[in-house]
Amino acid sequence: MTARELRQKYLDFFVKKGHKIIPSASLVPENDPTTLFTSSGMQQLIPYLKGEPHPLGKRLTNFQPSLRLQDIDEVGDMCHTTFFEML
């Protein structure tokens, strides 16, 4: 199975359960001066997690490219990466 096929199966599963697909956020956040990069799938949803209603409702799904540099010195072992997609 390719990464594209896995991603699509993931999205299809949640759409069948009534979720709406939202687009992935930019890897460089547009309106968040607190961080240089998007580091999790939840980051773009912070206003909605704090109570603001999302226009598509509460049942949302996506895949989010993420970049983490917190443990950059550990990259290269079997556990640490910098770029990945969160499903």
PDB file of N, CA and C in Angstrom:
ATOM      1  N   MET A   1       0.846  -1.170   0.000  1.00  0.00           N
ATOM      2  CA  MET A   1       0.000   0.000   0.000  1.00  0.00           C
ATOM      3  C   MET A   1       0.899   1.243   0.000  1.00  0.00           C
ATOM      4  N   THR A   2       0.562   2.194  -0.831  1.00  0.00           N
ATOM      5  CA  THR A   2       1.335   3.437  -0.877  1.00  0.00           C
ATOM      6  C   THR A   2       0.853   4.406   0.200  1.00  0.00           C
ATOM      7  N   ALA A   3       1.638   5.426   0.451  1.00  0.00           N
ATOM      8  CA  ALA A   3       1.236   6.460   1.415  1.00  0.00           C
ATOM      9  C   ALA A   3      -0.054   7.131   0.965  1.00  0.00           C
ATOM     10  N   ARG A   4      -0.185   7.372  -0.314  1.00  0.00           N
ATOM     11  CA  ARG A   4      -1.401   8.006  -0.848  1.00  0.00           C
ATOM     12  C   ARG A   4      -2.626   7.119  -0.606  1.00  0.00           C
ATOM     13  N   GLU A   5      -2.482   5.818  -0.830  1.00  0.00           N
ATOM     14  CA  GLU A   5      -3.599   4.890  -0.605  1.00  0.00           C
ATOM     15  C   GLU A   5      -3.971   4.832   0.874  1.00  0.00           C
ATOM     16  N   LEU A   6      -2.981   4.783   1.737  1.00  0.00           N
ATOM     17  CA  LEU A   6      -3.239   4.760   3.180  1.00  0.00           C
ATOM     18  C   LEU A   6      -3.969   6.021   3.618  1.00  0.00           C
ATOM     19  N   ARG A   7      -3.495   7.162   3.157  1.00  0.00           N
ATOM     20  CA  ARG A   7      -4.126   8.447   3.476  1.00  0.00           C
ATOM     21  C   ARG A   7      -5.590   8.441   3.040  1.00  0.00           C
ATOM     22  N   GLN A   8      -5.857   7.959   1.822  1.00  0.00           N
ATOM     23  CA  GLN A   8      -7.220   7.953   1.300  1.00  0.00           C
ATOM     24  C   GLN A   8      -8.116   6.998   2.080  1.00  0.00           C
ATOM     25  N   LYS A   9      -7.606   5.824   2.444  1.00  0.00           N
ATOM     26  CA  LYS A   9      -8.388   4.877   3.252  1.00  0.00           C
ATOM     27  C   LYS A   9      -8.750   5.496   4.602  1.00  0.00           C
ATOM     28  N   TYR A  10      -7.808   6.211   5.191  1.00  0.00           N
ATOM     29  CA  TYR A  10      -8.042   6.887   6.465  1.00  0.00           C
ATOM     30  C   TYR A  10      -9.175   7.906   6.325  1.00  0.00           C
ATOM     31  N   LEU A  11      -9.074   8.760   5.319  1.00  0.00           N
ATOM     32  CA  LEU A  11     -10.106   9.781   5.110  1.00  0.00           C
ATOM     33  C   LEU A  11     -11.454   9.144   4.803  1.00  0.00           C
ATOM     34  N   ASP A  12     -11.474   8.128   3.946  1.00  0.00           N
ATOM     35  CA  ASP A  12     -12.723   7.441   3.589  1.00  0.00           C
ATOM     36  C   ASP A  12     -13.404   6.856   4.816  1.00  0.00           C
ATOM     37  N   PHE A  13     -12.622   6.265   5.722  1.00  0.00           N
ATOM     38  CA  PHE A  13     -13.176   5.682   6.942  1.00  0.00           C
ATOM     39  C   PHE A  13     -13.959   6.730   7.726  1.00  0.00           C
ATOM     40  N   PHE A  14     -13.367   7.895   7.924  1.00  0.00           N
ATOM     41  CA  PHE A  14     -14.024   8.922   8.724  1.00  0.00           C
ATOM     42  C   PHE A  14     -15.181   9.592   7.987  1.00  0.00           C
ATOM     43  N   VAL A  15     -15.075   9.730   6.680  1.00  0.00           N
ATOM     44  CA  VAL A  15     -16.194  10.286   5.907  1.00  0.00           C
ATOM     45  C   VAL A  15     -17.407   9.369   6.041  1.00  0.00           C
ATOM     46  N   LYS A  16     -17.195   8.056   6.002  1.00  0.00           N
ATOM     47  CA  LYS A  16     -18.298   7.094   6.172  1.00  0.00           C
ATOM     48  C   LYS A  16     -18.939   7.222   7.548  1.00  0.00           C
ATOM     49  N   LYS A  17     -18.192   7.713   8.520  1.00  0.00           N
ATOM     50  CA  LYS A  17     -18.703   7.904   9.888  1.00  0.00           C
ATOM     51  C   LYS A  17     -19.299   9.296  10.086  1.00  0.00           C
ATOM     52  N   GLY A  18     -19.411  10.081   8.999  1.00  0.00           N
ATOM     53  CA  GLY A  18     -20.059  11.384   9.082  1.00  0.00           C
ATOM     54  C   GLY A  18     -19.131  12.572   9.279  1.00  0.00           C
ATOM     55  N   HIS A  19     -17.831  12.356   9.178  1.00  0.00           N
ATOM     56  CA  HIS A  19     -16.883  13.462   9.338  1.00  0.00           C
ATOM     57  C   HIS A  19     -16.743  14.240   8.035  1.00  0.00           C
ATOM     58  N   LYS A  20     -16.356  15.487   8.156  1.00  0.00           N
ATOM     59  CA  LYS A  20     -16.061  16.347   7.007  1.00  0.00           C
ATOM     60  C   LYS A  20     -14.547  16.470   6.878  1.00  0.00           C
ATOM     61  N   ILE A  21     -14.050  16.417   5.654  1.00  0.00           N
ATOM     62  CA  ILE A  21     -12.619  16.584   5.422  1.00  0.00           C
ATOM     63  C   ILE A  21     -12.294  18.075   5.381  1.00  0.00           C
ATOM     64  N   ILE A  22     -11.315  18.453   6.183  1.00  0.00           N
ATOM     65  CA  ILE A  22     -10.831  19.835   6.141  1.00  0.00           C
ATOM     66  C   ILE A  22      -9.439  19.821   5.505  1.00  0.00           C
ATOM     67  N   PRO A  23      -9.054  20.907   4.850  1.00  0.00           N
ATOM     68  CA  PRO A  23      -7.735  20.923   4.207  1.00  0.00           C
ATOM     69  C   PRO A  23      -6.604  20.955   5.232  1.00  0.00           C
ATOM     70  N   SER A  24      -5.479  20.435   4.829  1.00  0.00           N
ATOM     71  CA  SER A  24      -4.280  20.530   5.661  1.00  0.00           C
ATOM     72  C   SER A  24      -3.865  21.993   5.760  1.00  0.00           C
ATOM     73  N   ALA A  25      -3.303  22.342   6.893  1.00  0.00           N
ATOM     74  CA  ALA A  25      -2.792  23.703   7.077  1.00  0.00           C
ATOM     75  C   ALA A  25      -1.406  23.811   6.448  1.00  0.00           C
ATOM     76  N   SER A  26      -0.985  25.026   6.220  1.00  0.00           N
ATOM     77  CA  SER A  26       0.361  25.277   5.720  1.00  0.00           C
ATOM     78  C   SER A  26       1.386  24.775   6.733  1.00  0.00           C
ATOM     79  N   LEU A  27       2.509  24.286   6.251  1.00  0.00           N
ATOM     80  CA  LEU A  27       3.580  23.854   7.146  1.00  0.00           C
ATOM     81  C   LEU A  27       4.164  25.048   7.911  1.00  0.00           C
ATOM     82  N   VAL A  28       4.038  26.231   7.347  1.00  0.00           N
ATOM     83  CA  VAL A  28       4.435  27.476   8.028  1.00  0.00           C
ATOM     84  C   VAL A  28       3.140  28.200   8.392  1.00  0.00           C
ATOM     85  N   PRO A  29       2.751  28.206   9.676  1.00  0.00           N
ATOM     86  CA  PRO A  29       1.477  28.809  10.077  1.00  0.00           C
ATOM     87  C   PRO A  29       1.379  30.283   9.681  1.00  0.00           C
ATOM     88  N   GLU A  30       0.223  30.656   9.177  1.00  0.00           N
ATOM     89  CA  GLU A  30       0.018  32.026   8.699  1.00  0.00           C
ATOM     90  C   GLU A  30      -0.303  33.013   9.815  1.00  0.00           C
ATOM     91  N   ASN A  31      -1.075  32.598  10.798  1.00  0.00           N
ATOM     92  CA  ASN A  31      -1.535  33.531  11.828  1.00  0.00           C
ATOM     93  C   ASN A  31      -1.159  33.079  13.231  1.00  0.00           C
ATOM     94  N   ASP A  32       0.014  32.492  13.385  1.00  0.00           N
ATOM     95  CA  ASP A  32       0.448  32.033  14.700  1.00  0.00           C
ATOM     96  C   ASP A  32       1.895  32.457  14.934  1.00  0.00           C
ATOM     97  N   PRO A  33       2.094  33.587  15.600  1.00  0.00           N
ATOM     98  CA  PRO A  33       3.458  34.076  15.831  1.00  0.00           C
ATOM     99  C   PRO A  33       4.208  33.293  16.911  1.00  0.00           C
ATOM    100  N   THR A  34       3.558  32.302  17.525  1.00  0.00           N
ATOM    101  CA  THR A  34       4.188  31.563  18.617  1.00  0.00           C
ATOM    102  C   THR A  34       5.043  30.401  18.139  1.00  0.00           C
ATOM    103  N   THR A  35       4.985  30.068  16.844  1.00  0.00           N
ATOM    104  CA  THR A  35       5.727  28.910  16.350  1.00  0.00           C
ATOM    105  C   THR A  35       6.180  29.134  14.910  1.00  0.00           C
ATOM    106  N   LEU A  36       7.262  28.495  14.541  1.00  0.00           N
ATOM    107  CA  LEU A  36       7.765  28.628  13.172  1.00  0.00           C
ATOM    108  C   LEU A  36       7.104  27.653  12.210  1.00  0.00           C
ATOM    109  N   PHE A  37       6.741  26.458  12.731  1.00  0.00           N
ATOM    110  CA  PHE A  37       6.208  25.406  11.869  1.00  0.00           C
ATOM    111  C   PHE A  37       4.984  24.754  12.496  1.00  0.00           C
ATOM    112  N   THR A  38       4.149  24.153  11.657  1.00  0.00           N
ATOM    113  CA  THR A  38       3.033  23.347  12.135  1.00  0.00           C
ATOM    114  C   THR A  38       3.614  22.044  12.659  1.00  0.00           C
ATOM    115  N   SER A  39       3.383  21.764  13.933  1.00  0.00           N
ATOM    116  CA  SER A  39       3.998  20.593  14.555  1.00  0.00           C
ATOM    117  C   SER A  39       3.000  19.514  14.951  1.00  0.00           C
ATOM    118  N   SER A  40       1.701  19.749  14.705  1.00  0.00           N
ATOM    119  CA  SER A  40       0.710  18.714  15.010  1.00  0.00           C
ATOM    120  C   SER A  40      -0.560  18.950  14.207  1.00  0.00           C
ATOM    121  N   GLY A  41      -1.351  17.907  14.110  1.00  0.00           N
ATOM    122  CA  GLY A  41      -2.612  18.002  13.394  1.00  0.00           C
ATOM    123  C   GLY A  41      -3.640  18.871  14.094  1.00  0.00           C
ATOM    124  N   MET A  42      -3.487  19.053  15.382  1.00  0.00           N
ATOM    125  CA  MET A  42      -4.448  19.836  16.155  1.00  0.00           C
ATOM    126  C   MET A  42      -4.157  21.331  16.110  1.00  0.00           C
ATOM    127  N   GLN A  43      -2.972  21.699  15.708  1.00  0.00           N
ATOM    128  CA  GLN A  43      -2.545  23.102  15.788  1.00  0.00           C
ATOM    129  C   GLN A  43      -3.499  24.055  15.070  1.00  0.00           C
ATOM    130  N   GLN A  44      -3.949  23.690  13.878  1.00  0.00           N
ATOM    131  CA  GLN A  44      -4.851  24.570  13.133  1.00  0.00           C
ATOM    132  C   GLN A  44      -6.244  24.639  13.759  1.00  0.00           C
ATOM    133  N   LEU A  45      -6.534  23.728  14.671  1.00  0.00           N
ATOM    134  CA  LEU A  45      -7.868  23.665  15.274  1.00  0.00           C
ATOM    135  C   LEU A  45      -7.946  24.335  16.641  1.00  0.00           C
ATOM    136  N   ILE A  46      -6.886  24.950  17.094  1.00  0.00           N
ATOM    137  CA  ILE A  46      -6.864  25.536  18.442  1.00  0.00           C
ATOM    138  C   ILE A  46      -8.040  26.477  18.700  1.00  0.00           C
ATOM    139  N   PRO A  47      -8.392  27.396  17.799  1.00  0.00           N
ATOM    140  CA  PRO A  47      -9.542  28.267  18.091  1.00  0.00           C
ATOM    141  C   PRO A  47     -10.835  27.477  18.317  1.00  0.00           C
ATOM    142  N   TYR A  48     -10.996  26.382  17.603  1.00  0.00           N
ATOM    143  CA  TYR A  48     -12.217  25.577  17.715  1.00  0.00           C
ATOM    144  C   TYR A  48     -12.186  24.709  18.968  1.00  0.00           C
ATOM    145  N   LEU A  49     -11.012  24.294  19.385  1.00  0.00           N
ATOM    146  CA  LEU A  49     -10.890  23.541  20.629  1.00  0.00           C
ATOM    147  C   LEU A  49     -11.151  24.438  21.834  1.00  0.00           C
ATOM    148  N   LYS A  50     -10.956  25.741  21.649  1.00  0.00           N
ATOM    149  CA  LYS A  50     -11.208  26.710  22.723  1.00  0.00           C
ATOM    150  C   LYS A  50     -12.649  27.202  22.732  1.00  0.00           C
ATOM    151  N   GLY A  51     -13.488  26.689  21.826  1.00  0.00           N
ATOM    152  CA  GLY A  51     -14.902  27.024  21.872  1.00  0.00           C
ATOM    153  C   GLY A  51     -15.489  27.694  20.657  1.00  0.00           C
ATOM    154  N   GLU A  52     -14.670  28.246  19.776  1.00  0.00           N
ATOM    155  CA  GLU A  52     -15.202  28.867  18.562  1.00  0.00           C
ATOM    156  C   GLU A  52     -15.778  27.769  17.660  1.00  0.00           C
ATOM    157  N   PRO A  53     -16.994  27.942  17.148  1.00  0.00           N
ATOM    158  CA  PRO A  53     -17.564  26.892  16.296  1.00  0.00           C
ATOM    159  C   PRO A  53     -16.866  26.824  14.931  1.00  0.00           C
ATOM    160  N   HIS A  54     -16.574  25.617  14.492  1.00  0.00           N
ATOM    161  CA  HIS A  54     -15.986  25.418  13.160  1.00  0.00           C
ATOM    162  C   HIS A  54     -17.125  25.431  12.146  1.00  0.00           C
ATOM    163  N   PRO A  55     -16.952  26.067  10.986  1.00  0.00           N
ATOM    164  CA  PRO A  55     -18.031  26.146   9.995  1.00  0.00           C
ATOM    165  C   PRO A  55     -18.520  24.782   9.496  1.00  0.00           C
ATOM    166  N   LEU A  56     -17.673  23.756   9.576  1.00  0.00           N
ATOM    167  CA  LEU A  56     -18.088  22.425   9.111  1.00  0.00           C
ATOM    168  C   LEU A  56     -18.562  21.524  10.242  1.00  0.00           C
ATOM    169  N   GLY A  57     -18.615  22.028  11.453  1.00  0.00           N
ATOM    170  CA  GLY A  57     -19.111  21.240  12.576  1.00  0.00           C
ATOM    171  C   GLY A  57     -17.999  20.695  13.453  1.00  0.00           C
ATOM    172  N   LYS A  58     -18.344  19.647  14.218  1.00  0.00           N
ATOM    173  CA  LYS A  58     -17.411  19.075  15.189  1.00  0.00           C
ATOM    174  C   LYS A  58     -16.732  17.802  14.700  1.00  0.00           C
ATOM    175  N   ARG A  59     -17.305  17.175  13.693  1.00  0.00           N
ATOM    176  CA  ARG A  59     -16.750  15.903  13.212  1.00  0.00           C
ATOM    177  C   ARG A  59     -15.886  16.172  11.984  1.00  0.00           C
ATOM    178  N   LEU A  60     -14.591  16.337  12.227  1.00  0.00           N
ATOM    179  CA  LEU A  60     -13.658  16.748  11.178  1.00  0.00           C
ATOM    180  C   LEU A  60     -12.532  15.727  11.049  1.00  0.00           C
ATOM    181  N   THR A  61     -11.964  15.644   9.859  1.00  0.00           N
ATOM    182  CA  THR A  61     -10.802  14.786   9.636  1.00  0.00           C
ATOM    183  C   THR A  61      -9.887  15.431   8.608  1.00  0.00           C
ATOM    184  N   ASN A  62      -8.625  15.077   8.665  1.00  0.00           N
ATOM    185  CA  ASN A  62      -7.659  15.525   7.663  1.00  0.00           C
ATOM    186  C   ASN A  62      -6.364  14.754   7.833  1.00  0.00           C
ATOM    187  N   PHE A  63      -5.395  15.080   7.018  1.00  0.00           N
ATOM    188  CA  PHE A  63      -4.019  14.656   7.258  1.00  0.00           C
ATOM    189  C   PHE A  63      -3.201  15.931   7.267  1.00  0.00           C
ATOM    190  N   GLN A  64      -2.239  15.991   8.176  1.00  0.00           N
ATOM    191  CA  GLN A  64      -1.508  17.238   8.374  1.00  0.00           C
ATOM    192  C   GLN A  64       0.000  17.015   8.304  1.00  0.00           C
ATOM    193  N   PRO A  65       0.665  17.574   7.285  1.00  0.00           N
ATOM    194  CA  PRO A  65       2.128  17.568   7.293  1.00  0.00           C
ATOM    195  C   PRO A  65       2.625  18.327   8.529  1.00  0.00           C
ATOM    196  N   SER A  66       3.597  17.744   9.225  1.00  0.00           N
ATOM    197  CA  SER A  66       4.086  18.324  10.475  1.00  0.00           C
ATOM    198  C   SER A  66       5.609  18.307  10.507  1.00  0.00           C
ATOM    199  N   LEU A  67       6.165  19.318  11.145  1.00  0.00           N
ATOM    200  CA  LEU A  67       7.615  19.432  11.273  1.00  0.00           C
ATOM    201  C   LEU A  67       7.938  19.713  12.728  1.00  0.00           C
ATOM    202  N   ARG A  68       8.752  18.861  13.317  1.00  0.00           N
ATOM    203  CA  ARG A  68       9.140  19.036  14.719  1.00  0.00           C
ATOM    204  C   ARG A  68      10.655  19.118  14.828  1.00  0.00           C
ATOM    205  N   LEU A  69      11.104  20.110  15.567  1.00  0.00           N
ATOM    206  CA  LEU A  69      12.541  20.307  15.748  1.00  0.00           C
ATOM    207  C   LEU A  69      12.955  20.253  17.216  1.00  0.00           C
ATOM    208  N   GLN A  70      12.023  19.918  18.114  1.00  0.00           N
ATOM    209  CA  GLN A  70      12.313  19.915  19.548  1.00  0.00           C
ATOM    210  C   GLN A  70      13.475  18.987  19.897  1.00  0.00           C
ATOM    211  N   ASP A  71      13.560  17.858  19.209  1.00  0.00           N
ATOM    212  CA  ASP A  71      14.603  16.884  19.527  1.00  0.00           C
ATOM    213  C   ASP A  71      15.487  16.628  18.300  1.00  0.00           C
ATOM    214  N   ILE A  72      15.832  17.694  17.618  1.00  0.00           N
ATOM    215  CA  ILE A  72      16.592  17.593  16.357  1.00  0.00           C
ATOM    216  C   ILE A  72      17.917  16.852  16.538  1.00  0.00           C
ATOM    217  N   ASP A  73      18.518  16.945  17.718  1.00  0.00           N
ATOM    218  CA  ASP A  73      19.784  16.249  17.954  1.00  0.00           C
ATOM    219  C   ASP A  73      19.623  14.732  17.990  1.00  0.00           C
ATOM    220  N   GLU A  74      18.392  14.257  18.152  1.00  0.00           N
ATOM    221  CA  GLU A  74      18.135  12.819  18.219  1.00  0.00           C
ATOM    222  C   GLU A  74      17.761  12.222  16.863  1.00  0.00           C
ATOM    223  N   VAL A  75      17.560  13.057  15.861  1.00  0.00           N
ATOM    224  CA  VAL A  75      17.141  12.574  14.543  1.00  0.00           C
ATOM    225  C   VAL A  75      18.196  11.628  13.985  1.00  0.00           C
ATOM    226  N   GLY A  76      17.714  10.527  13.423  1.00  0.00           N
ATOM    227  CA  GLY A  76      18.618   9.548  12.833  1.00  0.00           C
ATOM    228  C   GLY A  76      18.581   8.215  13.550  1.00  0.00           C
ATOM    229  N   ASP A  77      18.041   8.192  14.772  1.00  0.00           N
ATOM    230  CA  ASP A  77      17.885   6.898  15.428  1.00  0.00           C
ATOM    231  C   ASP A  77      16.568   6.279  14.955  1.00  0.00           C
ATOM    232  N   MET A  78      16.125   5.232  15.564  1.00  0.00           N
ATOM    233  CA  MET A  78      14.922   4.528  15.107  1.00  0.00           C
ATOM    234  C   MET A  78      13.623   5.192  15.567  1.00  0.00           C
ATOM    235  N   CYS A  79      13.690   6.228  16.396  1.00  0.00           N
ATOM    236  CA  CYS A  79      12.480   6.819  16.975  1.00  0.00           C
ATOM    237  C   CYS A  79      12.212   8.263  16.573  1.00  0.00           C
ATOM    238  N   HIS A  80      13.197   8.989  16.139  1.00  0.00           N
ATOM    239  CA  HIS A  80      13.041  10.427  15.942  1.00  0.00           C
ATOM    240  C   HIS A  80      13.085  10.818  14.471  1.00  0.00           C
ATOM    241  N   THR A  81      12.138  11.645  14.086  1.00  0.00           N
ATOM    242  CA  THR A  81      12.084  12.199  12.737  1.00  0.00           C
ATOM    243  C   THR A  81      11.827  13.697  12.858  1.00  0.00           C
ATOM    244  N   THR A  82      11.876  14.391  11.753  1.00  0.00           N
ATOM    245  CA  THR A  82      11.529  15.808  11.781  1.00  0.00           C
ATOM    246  C   THR A  82      10.235  16.052  11.032  1.00  0.00           C
ATOM    247  N   PHE A  83      10.072  15.464   9.861  1.00  0.00           N
ATOM    248  CA  PHE A  83       8.878  15.683   9.043  1.00  0.00           C
ATOM    249  C   PHE A  83       8.064  14.403   8.975  1.00  0.00           C
ATOM    250  N   PHE A  84       6.749  14.536   9.147  1.00  0.00           N
ATOM    251  CA  PHE A  84       5.841  13.398   9.043  1.00  0.00           C
ATOM    252  C   PHE A  84       4.443  13.926   8.786  1.00  0.00           C
ATOM    253  N   GLU A  85       3.518  13.037   8.461  1.00  0.00           N
ATOM    254  CA  GLU A  85       2.114  13.421   8.305  1.00  0.00           C
ATOM    255  C   GLU A  85       1.306  12.823   9.441  1.00  0.00           C
ATOM    256  N   MET A  86       0.554  13.658  10.113  1.00  0.00           N
ATOM    257  CA  MET A  86      -0.356  13.191  11.154  1.00  0.00           C
ATOM    258  C   MET A  86      -1.696  12.881  10.529  1.00  0.00           C
ATOM    259  N   LEU A  87      -2.213  11.718  10.845  1.00  0.00           N
ATOM    260  CA  LEU A  87      -3.555  11.350  10.388  1.00  0.00           C
ATOM    261  C   LEU A  87      -4.506  11.489  11.544  1.00  0.00           C
TER     262      LEU A  87
END
